[in-house]
């Protein structure tokens, strides 16, 4: 987290979707004067970023995998994981479930 007189940079620890028009900010030192003036102009939109997939190999019969994806919320829908097979993107999951923020 960084702060100046005119802006703050924070770490997002939970979102239900990849976009939000509202934000709540919790600071370790309490609620500073003027917090009501804090505005989020245009909302927040996160760009999903694949951080890791575990395990890194599976079996032909299917495997349960976990993907850590920064920027996906627990209620994000329409998510798929693709792998390139002979130059073609192939959906590798029969079903996908968001477990919590960033965990697919």
PDB file of N, CA and C in Angstrom:
ATOM      1  N   UNK A   1       0.843  -1.171   0.000  1.00  0.00           N
ATOM      2  CA  UNK A   1       0.000   0.000   0.000  1.00  0.00           C
ATOM      3  C   UNK A   1       0.887   1.231   0.000  1.00  0.00           C
ATOM      4  N   UNK A   2       0.501   2.206  -0.793  1.00  0.00           N
ATOM      5  CA  UNK A   2       1.203   3.487  -0.858  1.00  0.00           C
ATOM      6  C   UNK A   2       0.185   4.593  -0.712  1.00  0.00           C
ATOM      7  N   UNK A   3       0.600   5.734  -0.199  1.00  0.00           N
ATOM      8  CA  UNK A   3      -0.326   6.849  -0.040  1.00  0.00           C
ATOM      9  C   UNK A   3       0.403   8.177  -0.213  1.00  0.00           C
ATOM     10  N   UNK A   4      -0.331   9.140  -0.754  1.00  0.00           N
ATOM     11  CA  UNK A   4       0.144  10.521  -0.829  1.00  0.00           C
ATOM     12  C   UNK A   4      -1.039  11.412  -0.442  1.00  0.00           C
ATOM     13  N   UNK A   5      -0.884  12.706  -0.570  1.00  0.00           N
ATOM     14  CA  UNK A   5      -1.982  13.616  -0.227  1.00  0.00           C
ATOM     15  C   UNK A   5      -3.169  13.495  -1.177  1.00  0.00           C
ATOM     16  N   UNK A   6      -2.940  12.973  -2.378  1.00  0.00           N
ATOM     17  CA  UNK A   6      -4.009  12.951  -3.378  1.00  0.00           C
ATOM     18  C   UNK A   6      -4.408  11.571  -3.872  1.00  0.00           C
ATOM     19  N   UNK A   7      -3.679  10.520  -3.505  1.00  0.00           N
ATOM     20  CA  UNK A   7      -4.044   9.188  -3.975  1.00  0.00           C
ATOM     21  C   UNK A   7      -3.543   8.116  -3.022  1.00  0.00           C
ATOM     22  N   UNK A   8      -4.179   6.945  -3.105  1.00  0.00           N
ATOM     23  CA  UNK A   8      -3.693   5.773  -2.393  1.00  0.00           C
ATOM     24  C   UNK A   8      -3.654   4.608  -3.369  1.00  0.00           C
ATOM     25  N   UNK A   9      -2.727   3.708  -3.161  1.00  0.00           N
ATOM     26  CA  UNK A   9      -2.645   2.464  -3.915  1.00  0.00           C
ATOM     27  C   UNK A   9      -2.826   1.349  -2.911  1.00  0.00           C
ATOM     28  N   UNK A  10      -3.782   0.461  -3.184  1.00  0.00           N
ATOM     29  CA  UNK A  10      -4.106  -0.600  -2.238  1.00  0.00           C
ATOM     30  C   UNK A  10      -4.041  -1.958  -2.922  1.00  0.00           C
ATOM     31  N   UNK A  11      -3.993  -3.009  -2.114  1.00  0.00           N
ATOM     32  CA  UNK A  11      -4.045  -4.375  -2.607  1.00  0.00           C
ATOM     33  C   UNK A  11      -5.486  -4.858  -2.485  1.00  0.00           C
ATOM     34  N   UNK A  12      -6.058  -5.362  -3.558  1.00  0.00           N
ATOM     35  CA  UNK A  12      -7.411  -5.909  -3.536  1.00  0.00           C
ATOM     36  C   UNK A  12      -7.334  -7.332  -3.012  1.00  0.00           C
ATOM     37  N   UNK A  13      -8.077  -7.615  -1.946  1.00  0.00           N
ATOM     38  CA  UNK A  13      -8.036  -8.949  -1.357  1.00  0.00           C
ATOM     39  C   UNK A  13      -9.296  -9.756  -1.634  1.00  0.00           C
ATOM     40  N   UNK A  14     -10.366  -9.107  -2.104  1.00  0.00           N
ATOM     41  CA  UNK A  14     -11.582  -9.852  -2.429  1.00  0.00           C
ATOM     42  C   UNK A  14     -12.484  -9.018  -3.323  1.00  0.00           C
ATOM     43  N   UNK A  15     -12.991  -9.644  -4.373  1.00  0.00           N
ATOM     44  CA  UNK A  15     -14.039  -9.081  -5.224  1.00  0.00           C
ATOM     45  C   UNK A  15     -14.898 -10.256  -5.666  1.00  0.00           C
ATOM     46  N   UNK A  16     -16.200 -10.010  -5.838  1.00  0.00           N
ATOM     47  CA  UNK A  16     -17.084 -11.093  -6.261  1.00  0.00           C
ATOM     48  C   UNK A  16     -17.068 -11.278  -7.765  1.00  0.00           C
ATOM     49  N   UNK A  17     -16.659 -10.285  -8.503  1.00  0.00           N
ATOM     50  CA  UNK A  17     -16.609 -10.352  -9.946  1.00  0.00           C
ATOM     51  C   UNK A  17     -15.342  -9.638 -10.391  1.00  0.00           C
ATOM     52  N   UNK A  18     -15.106  -9.540 -11.685  1.00  0.00           N
ATOM     53  CA  UNK A  18     -13.914  -8.838 -12.142  1.00  0.00           C
ATOM     54  C   UNK A  18     -14.157  -7.344 -12.323  1.00  0.00           C
ATOM     55  N   UNK A  19     -15.427  -6.902 -12.124  1.00  0.00           N
ATOM     56  CA  UNK A  19     -15.741  -5.475 -12.145  1.00  0.00           C
ATOM     57  C   UNK A  19     -16.534  -5.111 -10.904  1.00  0.00           C
ATOM     58  N   UNK A  20     -16.444  -3.863 -10.493  1.00  0.00           N
ATOM     59  CA  UNK A  20     -17.200  -3.382  -9.344  1.00  0.00           C
ATOM     60  C   UNK A  20     -17.381  -1.883  -9.461  1.00  0.00           C
ATOM     61  N   UNK A  21     -18.578  -1.403  -9.136  1.00  0.00           N
ATOM     62  CA  UNK A  21     -18.833   0.037  -9.112  1.00  0.00           C
ATOM     63  C   UNK A  21     -18.688   0.606  -7.708  1.00  0.00           C
ATOM     64  N   UNK A  22     -18.459  -0.254  -6.731  1.00  0.00           N
ATOM     65  CA  UNK A  22     -18.291   0.199  -5.349  1.00  0.00           C
ATOM     66  C   UNK A  22     -17.021  -0.406  -4.774  1.00  0.00           C
ATOM     67  N   UNK A  23     -16.469   0.266  -3.807  1.00  0.00           N
ATOM     68  CA  UNK A  23     -15.269  -0.243  -3.137  1.00  0.00           C
ATOM     69  C   UNK A  23     -15.307   0.192  -1.685  1.00  0.00           C
ATOM     70  N   UNK A  24     -14.882  -0.692  -0.802  1.00  0.00           N
ATOM     71  CA  UNK A  24     -14.726  -0.368   0.609  1.00  0.00           C
ATOM     72  C   UNK A  24     -13.256  -0.483   0.943  1.00  0.00           C
ATOM     73  N   UNK A  25     -12.748   0.515   1.629  1.00  0.00           N
ATOM     74  CA  UNK A  25     -11.336   0.551   1.965  1.00  0.00           C
ATOM     75  C   UNK A  25     -11.193   0.433   3.474  1.00  0.00           C
ATOM     76  N   UNK A  26     -10.401  -0.539   3.915  1.00  0.00           N
ATOM     77  CA  UNK A  26     -10.109  -0.732   5.329  1.00  0.00           C
ATOM     78  C   UNK A  26      -8.620  -0.481   5.533  1.00  0.00           C
ATOM     79  N   UNK A  27      -8.299   0.421   6.425  1.00  0.00           N
ATOM     80  CA  UNK A  27      -6.913   0.779   6.678  1.00  0.00           C
ATOM     81  C   UNK A  27      -6.491   0.279   8.055  1.00  0.00           C
ATOM     82  N   UNK A  28      -5.242  -0.151   8.204  1.00  0.00           N
ATOM     83  CA  UNK A  28      -4.807  -0.718   9.481  1.00  0.00           C
ATOM     84  C   UNK A  28      -4.796   0.278  10.634  1.00  0.00           C
ATOM     85  N   UNK A  29      -4.765   1.573  10.326  1.00  0.00           N
ATOM     86  CA  UNK A  29      -4.700   2.582  11.381  1.00  0.00           C
ATOM     87  C   UNK A  29      -6.049   3.227  11.672  1.00  0.00           C
ATOM     88  N   UNK A  30      -7.136   2.659  11.151  1.00  0.00           N
ATOM     89  CA  UNK A  30      -8.475   3.190  11.427  1.00  0.00           C
ATOM     90  C   UNK A  30      -9.025   3.972  10.266  1.00  0.00           C
ATOM     91  N   UNK A  31     -10.024   4.773  10.547  1.00  0.00           N
ATOM     92  CA  UNK A  31     -10.703   5.559   9.519  1.00  0.00           C
ATOM     93  C   UNK A  31     -10.193   6.996   9.554  1.00  0.00           C
ATOM     94  N   UNK A  32      -9.480   7.424   8.527  1.00  0.00           N
ATOM     95  CA  UNK A  32      -8.951   8.792   8.538  1.00  0.00           C
ATOM     96  C   UNK A  32     -10.040   9.825   8.259  1.00  0.00           C
ATOM     97  N   UNK A  33      -9.816  11.045   8.697  1.00  0.00           N
ATOM     98  CA  UNK A  33     -10.746  12.140   8.399  1.00  0.00           C
ATOM     99  C   UNK A  33     -10.824  12.304   6.890  1.00  0.00           C
ATOM    100  N   UNK A  34     -12.027  12.527   6.385  1.00  0.00           N
ATOM    101  CA  UNK A  34     -12.217  12.749   4.958  1.00  0.00           C
ATOM    102  C   UNK A  34     -12.374  11.490   4.136  1.00  0.00           C
ATOM    103  N   UNK A  35     -12.499  10.327   4.765  1.00  0.00           N
ATOM    104  CA  UNK A  35     -12.637   9.078   4.014  1.00  0.00           C
ATOM    105  C   UNK A  35     -13.886   9.090   3.138  1.00  0.00           C
ATOM    106  N   UNK A  36     -14.910   9.847   3.547  1.00  0.00           N
ATOM    107  CA  UNK A  36     -16.138   9.926   2.751  1.00  0.00           C
ATOM    108  C   UNK A  36     -15.887  10.602   1.404  1.00  0.00           C
ATOM    109  N   UNK A  37     -14.795  11.319   1.264  1.00  0.00           N
ATOM    110  CA  UNK A  37     -14.466  11.976  -0.002  1.00  0.00           C
ATOM    111  C   UNK A  37     -13.766  11.026  -0.968  1.00  0.00           C
ATOM    112  N   UNK A  38     -13.423   9.843  -0.489  1.00  0.00           N
ATOM    113  CA  UNK A  38     -12.766   8.861  -1.343  1.00  0.00           C
ATOM    114  C   UNK A  38     -13.749   8.405  -2.415  1.00  0.00           C
ATOM    115  N   UNK A  39     -13.379   8.552  -3.651  1.00  0.00           N
ATOM    116  CA  UNK A  39     -14.260   8.145  -4.745  1.00  0.00           C
ATOM    117  C   UNK A  39     -13.515   7.198  -5.679  1.00  0.00           C
ATOM    118  N   UNK A  40     -14.273   6.335  -6.284  1.00  0.00           N
ATOM    119  CA  UNK A  40     -13.753   5.439  -7.303  1.00  0.00           C
ATOM    120  C   UNK A  40     -14.413   5.867  -8.602  1.00  0.00           C
ATOM    121  N   UNK A  41     -13.669   6.546  -9.439  1.00  0.00           N
ATOM    122  CA  UNK A  41     -14.217   7.097 -10.675  1.00  0.00           C
ATOM    123  C   UNK A  41     -14.321   5.992 -11.714  1.00  0.00           C
ATOM    124  N   UNK A  42     -15.558   5.723 -12.178  1.00  0.00           N
ATOM    125  CA  UNK A  42     -15.756   4.734 -13.234  1.00  0.00           C
ATOM    126  C   UNK A  42     -15.697   3.298 -12.768  1.00  0.00           C
ATOM    127  N   UNK A  43     -15.599   3.069 -11.468  1.00  0.00           N
ATOM    128  CA  UNK A  43     -15.558   1.704 -10.963  1.00  0.00           C
ATOM    129  C   UNK A  43     -14.182   1.078 -11.115  1.00  0.00           C
ATOM    130  N   UNK A  44     -14.122  -0.211 -10.835  1.00  0.00           N
ATOM    131  CA  UNK A  44     -12.876  -0.964 -10.900  1.00  0.00           C
ATOM    132  C   UNK A  44     -13.080  -2.114 -11.879  1.00  0.00           C
ATOM    133  N   UNK A  45     -12.167  -2.277 -12.794  1.00  0.00           N
ATOM    134  CA  UNK A  45     -12.172  -3.428 -13.694  1.00  0.00           C
ATOM    135  C   UNK A  45     -10.799  -4.077 -13.629  1.00  0.00           C
ATOM    136  N   UNK A  46     -10.777  -5.362 -13.317  1.00  0.00           N
ATOM    137  CA  UNK A  46      -9.520  -6.094 -13.211  1.00  0.00           C
ATOM    138  C   UNK A  46      -9.295  -6.932 -14.462  1.00  0.00           C
ATOM    139  N   UNK A  47      -8.076  -7.029 -14.885  1.00  0.00           N
ATOM    140  CA  UNK A  47      -7.713  -7.890 -16.005  1.00  0.00           C
ATOM    141  C   UNK A  47      -7.192  -9.203 -15.434  1.00  0.00           C
ATOM    142  N   UNK A  48      -7.882 -10.310 -15.712  1.00  0.00           N
ATOM    143  CA  UNK A  48      -7.421 -11.601 -15.175  1.00  0.00           C
ATOM    144  C   UNK A  48      -5.999 -11.931 -15.617  1.00  0.00           C
ATOM    145  N   UNK A  49      -5.224 -12.487 -14.685  1.00  0.00           N
ATOM    146  CA  UNK A  49      -3.848 -12.880 -14.974  1.00  0.00           C
ATOM    147  C   UNK A  49      -3.600 -14.252 -14.356  1.00  0.00           C
ATOM    148  N   UNK A  50      -3.312 -15.239 -15.200  1.00  0.00           N
ATOM    149  CA  UNK A  50      -3.022 -16.589 -14.728  1.00  0.00           C
ATOM    150  C   UNK A  50      -1.676 -16.599 -14.018  1.00  0.00           C
ATOM    151  N   UNK A  51      -1.692 -16.995 -12.730  1.00  0.00           N
ATOM    152  CA  UNK A  51      -0.467 -17.044 -11.945  1.00  0.00           C
ATOM    153  C   UNK A  51       0.124 -18.449 -11.903  1.00  0.00           C
ATOM    154  N   UNK A  52      -0.744 -19.472 -11.737  1.00  0.00           N
ATOM    155  CA  UNK A  52      -0.238 -20.837 -11.687  1.00  0.00           C
ATOM    156  C   UNK A  52      -1.364 -21.838 -11.895  1.00  0.00           C
ATOM    157  N   UNK A  53      -0.985 -23.057 -12.285  1.00  0.00           N
ATOM    158  CA  UNK A  53      -1.905 -24.182 -12.420  1.00  0.00           C
ATOM    159  C   UNK A  53      -1.268 -25.347 -11.669  1.00  0.00           C
ATOM    160  N   UNK A  54      -2.099 -26.031 -10.870  1.00  0.00           N
ATOM    161  CA  UNK A  54      -1.584 -27.141 -10.074  1.00  0.00           C
ATOM    162  C   UNK A  54      -2.575 -28.295 -10.111  1.00  0.00           C
ATOM    163  N   UNK A  55      -2.172 -29.512 -10.350  1.00  0.00           N
ATOM    164  CA  UNK A  55      -0.827 -29.948 -10.737  1.00  0.00           C
ATOM    165  C   UNK A  55      -0.530 -29.531 -12.167  1.00  0.00           C
ATOM    166  N   UNK A  56       0.739 -29.607 -12.544  1.00  0.00           N
ATOM    167  CA  UNK A  56       1.135 -29.153 -13.879  1.00  0.00           C
ATOM    168  C   UNK A  56       0.918 -30.210 -14.951  1.00  0.00           C
ATOM    169  N   UNK A  57       0.622 -31.454 -14.560  1.00  0.00           N
ATOM    170  CA  UNK A  57       0.311 -32.511 -15.526  1.00  0.00           C
ATOM    171  C   UNK A  57      -0.962 -33.221 -15.083  1.00  0.00           C
ATOM    172  N   UNK A  58      -1.657 -33.831 -16.008  1.00  0.00           N
ATOM    173  CA  UNK A  58      -2.888 -34.552 -15.693  1.00  0.00           C
ATOM    174  C   UNK A  58      -2.890 -35.907 -16.353  1.00  0.00           C
ATOM    175  N   UNK A  59      -4.039 -36.580 -16.272  1.00  0.00           N
ATOM    176  CA  UNK A  59      -4.153 -37.896 -16.890  1.00  0.00           C
ATOM    177  C   UNK A  59      -5.188 -37.840 -18.001  1.00  0.00           C
ATOM    178  N   UNK A  60      -5.130 -38.761 -18.955  1.00  0.00           N
ATOM    179  CA  UNK A  60      -6.116 -38.782 -20.039  1.00  0.00           C
ATOM    180  C   UNK A  60      -7.550 -38.959 -19.518  1.00  0.00           C
ATOM    181  N   UNK A  61      -7.708 -39.585 -18.364  1.00  0.00           N
ATOM    182  CA  UNK A  61      -9.039 -39.806 -17.791  1.00  0.00           C
ATOM    183  C   UNK A  61      -9.601 -38.586 -17.081  1.00  0.00           C
ATOM    184  N   UNK A  62      -8.797 -37.559 -16.937  1.00  0.00           N
ATOM    185  CA  UNK A  62      -9.250 -36.336 -16.277  1.00  0.00           C
ATOM    186  C   UNK A  62      -8.571 -36.134 -14.944  1.00  0.00           C
ATOM    187  N   UNK A  63      -8.393 -34.900 -14.571  1.00  0.00           N
ATOM    188  CA  UNK A  63      -7.748 -34.544 -13.310  1.00  0.00           C
ATOM    189  C   UNK A  63      -8.412 -33.299 -12.752  1.00  0.00           C
ATOM    190  N   UNK A  64      -8.421 -33.201 -11.436  1.00  0.00           N
ATOM    191  CA  UNK A  64      -8.877 -31.988 -10.769  1.00  0.00           C
ATOM    192  C   UNK A  64      -7.687 -31.046 -10.689  1.00  0.00           C
ATOM    193  N   UNK A  65      -7.818 -29.867 -11.277  1.00  0.00           N
ATOM    194  CA  UNK A  65      -6.730 -28.899 -11.236  1.00  0.00           C
ATOM    195  C   UNK A  65      -7.218 -27.631 -10.555  1.00  0.00           C
ATOM    196  N   UNK A  66      -6.282 -26.887 -10.021  1.00  0.00           N
ATOM    197  CA  UNK A  66      -6.565 -25.597  -9.404  1.00  0.00           C
ATOM    198  C   UNK A  66      -5.727 -24.548 -10.110  1.00  0.00           C
ATOM    199  N   UNK A  67      -6.368 -23.472 -10.519  1.00  0.00           N
ATOM    200  CA  UNK A  67      -5.664 -22.366 -11.165  1.00  0.00           C
ATOM    201  C   UNK A  67      -5.769 -21.134 -10.277  1.00  0.00           C
ATOM    202  N   UNK A  68      -4.647 -20.490 -10.026  1.00  0.00           N
ATOM    203  CA  UNK A  68      -4.650 -19.208  -9.327  1.00  0.00           C
ATOM    204  C   UNK A  68      -4.665 -18.125 -10.391  1.00  0.00           C
ATOM    205  N   UNK A  69      -5.734 -17.324 -10.388  1.00  0.00           N
ATOM    206  CA  UNK A  69      -5.924 -16.310 -11.415  1.00  0.00           C
ATOM    207  C   UNK A  69      -6.236 -14.983 -10.735  1.00  0.00           C
ATOM    208  N   UNK A  70      -5.256 -14.097 -10.713  1.00  0.00           N
ATOM    209  CA  UNK A  70      -5.456 -12.772 -10.131  1.00  0.00           C
ATOM    210  C   UNK A  70      -6.491 -12.022 -10.960  1.00  0.00           C
ATOM    211  N   UNK A  71      -7.486 -11.427 -10.294  1.00  0.00           N
ATOM    212  CA  UNK A  71      -8.465 -10.612 -10.991  1.00  0.00           C
ATOM    213  C   UNK A  71      -9.801 -11.277 -11.249  1.00  0.00           C
ATOM    214  N   UNK A  72     -10.003 -12.528 -10.829  1.00  0.00           N
ATOM    215  CA  UNK A  72     -11.302 -13.189 -10.971  1.00  0.00           C
ATOM    216  C   UNK A  72     -11.965 -13.289  -9.603  1.00  0.00           C
ATOM    217  N   UNK A  73     -13.232 -12.867  -9.534  1.00  0.00           N
ATOM    218  CA  UNK A  73     -13.963 -12.924  -8.278  1.00  0.00           C
ATOM    219  C   UNK A  73     -14.701 -14.225  -8.090  1.00  0.00           C
ATOM    220  N   UNK A  74     -15.207 -14.430  -6.877  1.00  0.00           N
ATOM    221  CA  UNK A  74     -15.881 -15.687  -6.534  1.00  0.00           C
ATOM    222  C   UNK A  74     -17.172 -15.909  -7.308  1.00  0.00           C
ATOM    223  N   UNK A  75     -17.763 -14.857  -7.874  1.00  0.00           N
ATOM    224  CA  UNK A  75     -19.003 -14.999  -8.649  1.00  0.00           C
ATOM    225  C   UNK A  75     -18.788 -14.749 -10.141  1.00  0.00           C
ATOM    226  N   UNK A  76     -17.547 -14.727 -10.583  1.00  0.00           N
ATOM    227  CA  UNK A  76     -17.256 -14.552 -12.004  1.00  0.00           C
ATOM    228  C   UNK A  76     -17.740 -15.778 -12.762  1.00  0.00           C
ATOM    229  N   UNK A  77     -18.419 -15.555 -13.877  1.00  0.00           N
ATOM    230  CA  UNK A  77     -18.919 -16.654 -14.701  1.00  0.00           C
ATOM    231  C   UNK A  77     -18.280 -16.590 -16.087  1.00  0.00           C
ATOM    232  N   UNK A  78     -18.475 -17.656 -16.853  1.00  0.00           N
ATOM    233  CA  UNK A  78     -17.972 -17.682 -18.222  1.00  0.00           C
ATOM    234  C   UNK A  78     -16.471 -17.862 -18.312  1.00  0.00           C
ATOM    235  N   UNK A  79     -15.873 -18.499 -17.307  1.00  0.00           N
ATOM    236  CA  UNK A  79     -14.429 -18.680 -17.276  1.00  0.00           C
ATOM    237  C   UNK A  79     -14.075 -20.049 -17.852  1.00  0.00           C
ATOM    238  N   UNK A  80     -13.042 -20.097 -18.668  1.00  0.00           N
ATOM    239  CA  UNK A  80     -12.535 -21.349 -19.228  1.00  0.00           C
ATOM    240  C   UNK A  80     -11.020 -21.328 -19.183  1.00  0.00           C
ATOM    241  N   UNK A  81     -10.428 -22.495 -19.186  1.00  0.00           N
ATOM    242  CA  UNK A  81      -8.975 -22.623 -19.315  1.00  0.00           C
ATOM    243  C   UNK A  81      -8.682 -23.278 -20.652  1.00  0.00           C
ATOM    244  N   UNK A  82      -7.803 -22.666 -21.422  1.00  0.00           N
ATOM    245  CA  UNK A  82      -7.467 -23.175 -22.738  1.00  0.00           C
ATOM    246  C   UNK A  82      -6.009 -23.570 -22.792  1.00  0.00           C
ATOM    247  N   UNK A  83      -5.703 -24.593 -23.579  1.00  0.00           N
ATOM    248  CA  UNK A  83      -4.331 -25.006 -23.861  1.00  0.00           C
ATOM    249  C   UNK A  83      -4.169 -25.040 -25.372  1.00  0.00           C
ATOM    250  N   UNK A  84      -2.988 -24.727 -25.818  1.00  0.00           N
ATOM    251  CA  UNK A  84      -2.710 -24.768 -27.251  1.00  0.00           C
ATOM    252  C   UNK A  84      -2.302 -26.193 -27.632  1.00  0.00           C
ATOM    253  N   UNK A  85      -3.087 -26.805 -28.530  1.00  0.00           N
ATOM    254  CA  UNK A  85      -2.814 -28.157 -29.011  1.00  0.00           C
ATOM    255  C   UNK A  85      -2.672 -28.080 -30.523  1.00  0.00           C
ATOM    256  N   UNK A  86      -1.469 -28.339 -31.008  1.00  0.00           N
ATOM    257  CA  UNK A  86      -1.177 -28.262 -32.447  1.00  0.00           C
ATOM    258  C   UNK A  86      -1.622 -26.929 -33.042  1.00  0.00           C
ATOM    259  N   UNK A  87      -1.377 -25.837 -32.307  1.00  0.00           N
ATOM    260  CA  UNK A  87      -1.695 -24.503 -32.788  1.00  0.00           C
ATOM    261  C   UNK A  87      -3.146 -24.090 -32.634  1.00  0.00           C
ATOM    262  N   UNK A  88      -3.960 -24.941 -32.026  1.00  0.00           N
ATOM    263  CA  UNK A  88      -5.378 -24.633 -31.820  1.00  0.00           C
ATOM    264  C   UNK A  88      -5.657 -24.547 -30.322  1.00  0.00           C
ATOM    265  N   UNK A  89      -6.388 -23.496 -29.906  1.00  0.00           N
ATOM    266  CA  UNK A  89      -6.765 -23.366 -28.497  1.00  0.00           C
ATOM    267  C   UNK A  89      -7.901 -24.329 -28.188  1.00  0.00           C
ATOM    268  N   UNK A  90      -7.695 -25.178 -27.165  1.00  0.00           N
ATOM    269  CA  UNK A  90      -8.663 -26.193 -26.778  1.00  0.00           C
ATOM    270  C   UNK A  90      -9.051 -25.970 -25.323  1.00  0.00           C
ATOM    271  N   UNK A  91     -10.365 -25.930 -25.043  1.00  0.00           N
ATOM    272  CA  UNK A  91     -10.864 -25.809 -23.673  1.00  0.00           C
ATOM    273  C   UNK A  91     -10.529 -27.108 -22.945  1.00  0.00           C
ATOM    274  N   UNK A  92      -9.745 -27.033 -21.869  1.00  0.00           N
ATOM    275  CA  UNK A  92      -9.271 -28.241 -21.198  1.00  0.00           C
ATOM    276  C   UNK A  92     -10.130 -28.651 -20.004  1.00  0.00           C
ATOM    277  N   UNK A  93     -11.184 -27.910 -19.706  1.00  0.00           N
ATOM    278  CA  UNK A  93     -12.003 -28.224 -18.527  1.00  0.00           C
ATOM    279  C   UNK A  93     -13.431 -28.609 -18.911  1.00  0.00           C
ATOM    280  N   UNK A  94     -13.912 -29.703 -18.339  1.00  0.00           N
ATOM    281  CA  UNK A  94     -15.307 -30.099 -18.544  1.00  0.00           C
ATOM    282  C   UNK A  94     -16.233 -29.171 -17.776  1.00  0.00           C
ATOM    283  N   UNK A  95     -15.775 -28.683 -16.624  1.00  0.00           N
ATOM    284  CA  UNK A  95     -16.544 -27.706 -15.841  1.00  0.00           C
ATOM    285  C   UNK A  95     -15.566 -26.850 -15.048  1.00  0.00           C
ATOM    286  N   UNK A  96     -16.012 -25.655 -14.689  1.00  0.00           N
ATOM    287  CA  UNK A  96     -15.177 -24.703 -13.972  1.00  0.00           C
ATOM    288  C   UNK A  96     -15.977 -24.136 -12.812  1.00  0.00           C
ATOM    289  N   UNK A  97     -15.339 -24.005 -11.651  1.00  0.00           N
ATOM    290  CA  UNK A  97     -16.005 -23.428 -10.482  1.00  0.00           C
ATOM    291  C   UNK A  97     -15.029 -22.459  -9.807  1.00  0.00           C
ATOM    292  N   UNK A  98     -15.506 -21.237  -9.537  1.00  0.00           N
ATOM    293  CA  UNK A  98     -14.718 -20.282  -8.776  1.00  0.00           C
ATOM    294  C   UNK A  98     -14.875 -20.622  -7.307  1.00  0.00           C
ATOM    295  N   UNK A  99     -13.766 -20.927  -6.616  1.00  0.00           N
ATOM    296  CA  UNK A  99     -13.813 -21.302  -5.215  1.00  0.00           C
ATOM    297  C   UNK A  99     -13.806 -20.079  -4.293  1.00  0.00           C
ATOM    298  N   UNK A 100     -13.009 -19.091  -4.641  1.00  0.00           N
ATOM    299  CA  UNK A 100     -12.939 -17.825  -3.911  1.00  0.00           C
ATOM    300  C   UNK A 100     -12.175 -16.858  -4.797  1.00  0.00           C
ATOM    301  N   UNK A 101     -11.971 -15.641  -4.338  1.00  0.00           N
ATOM    302  CA  UNK A 101     -11.266 -14.652  -5.144  1.00  0.00           C
ATOM    303  C   UNK A 101      -9.922 -15.205  -5.612  1.00  0.00           C
ATOM    304  N   UNK A 102      -9.743 -15.266  -6.913  1.00  0.00           N
ATOM    305  CA  UNK A 102      -8.469 -15.662  -7.499  1.00  0.00           C
ATOM    306  C   UNK A 102      -8.202 -17.164  -7.565  1.00  0.00           C
ATOM    307  N   UNK A 103      -9.145 -18.014  -7.119  1.00  0.00           N
ATOM    308  CA  UNK A 103      -8.918 -19.462  -7.137  1.00  0.00           C
ATOM    309  C   UNK A 103      -9.993 -20.117  -7.987  1.00  0.00           C
ATOM    310  N   UNK A 104      -9.582 -20.711  -9.094  1.00  0.00           N
ATOM    311  CA  UNK A 104     -10.481 -21.351 -10.057  1.00  0.00           C
ATOM    312  C   UNK A 104     -10.294 -22.846  -9.961  1.00  0.00           C
TER     313      UNK A 104
END
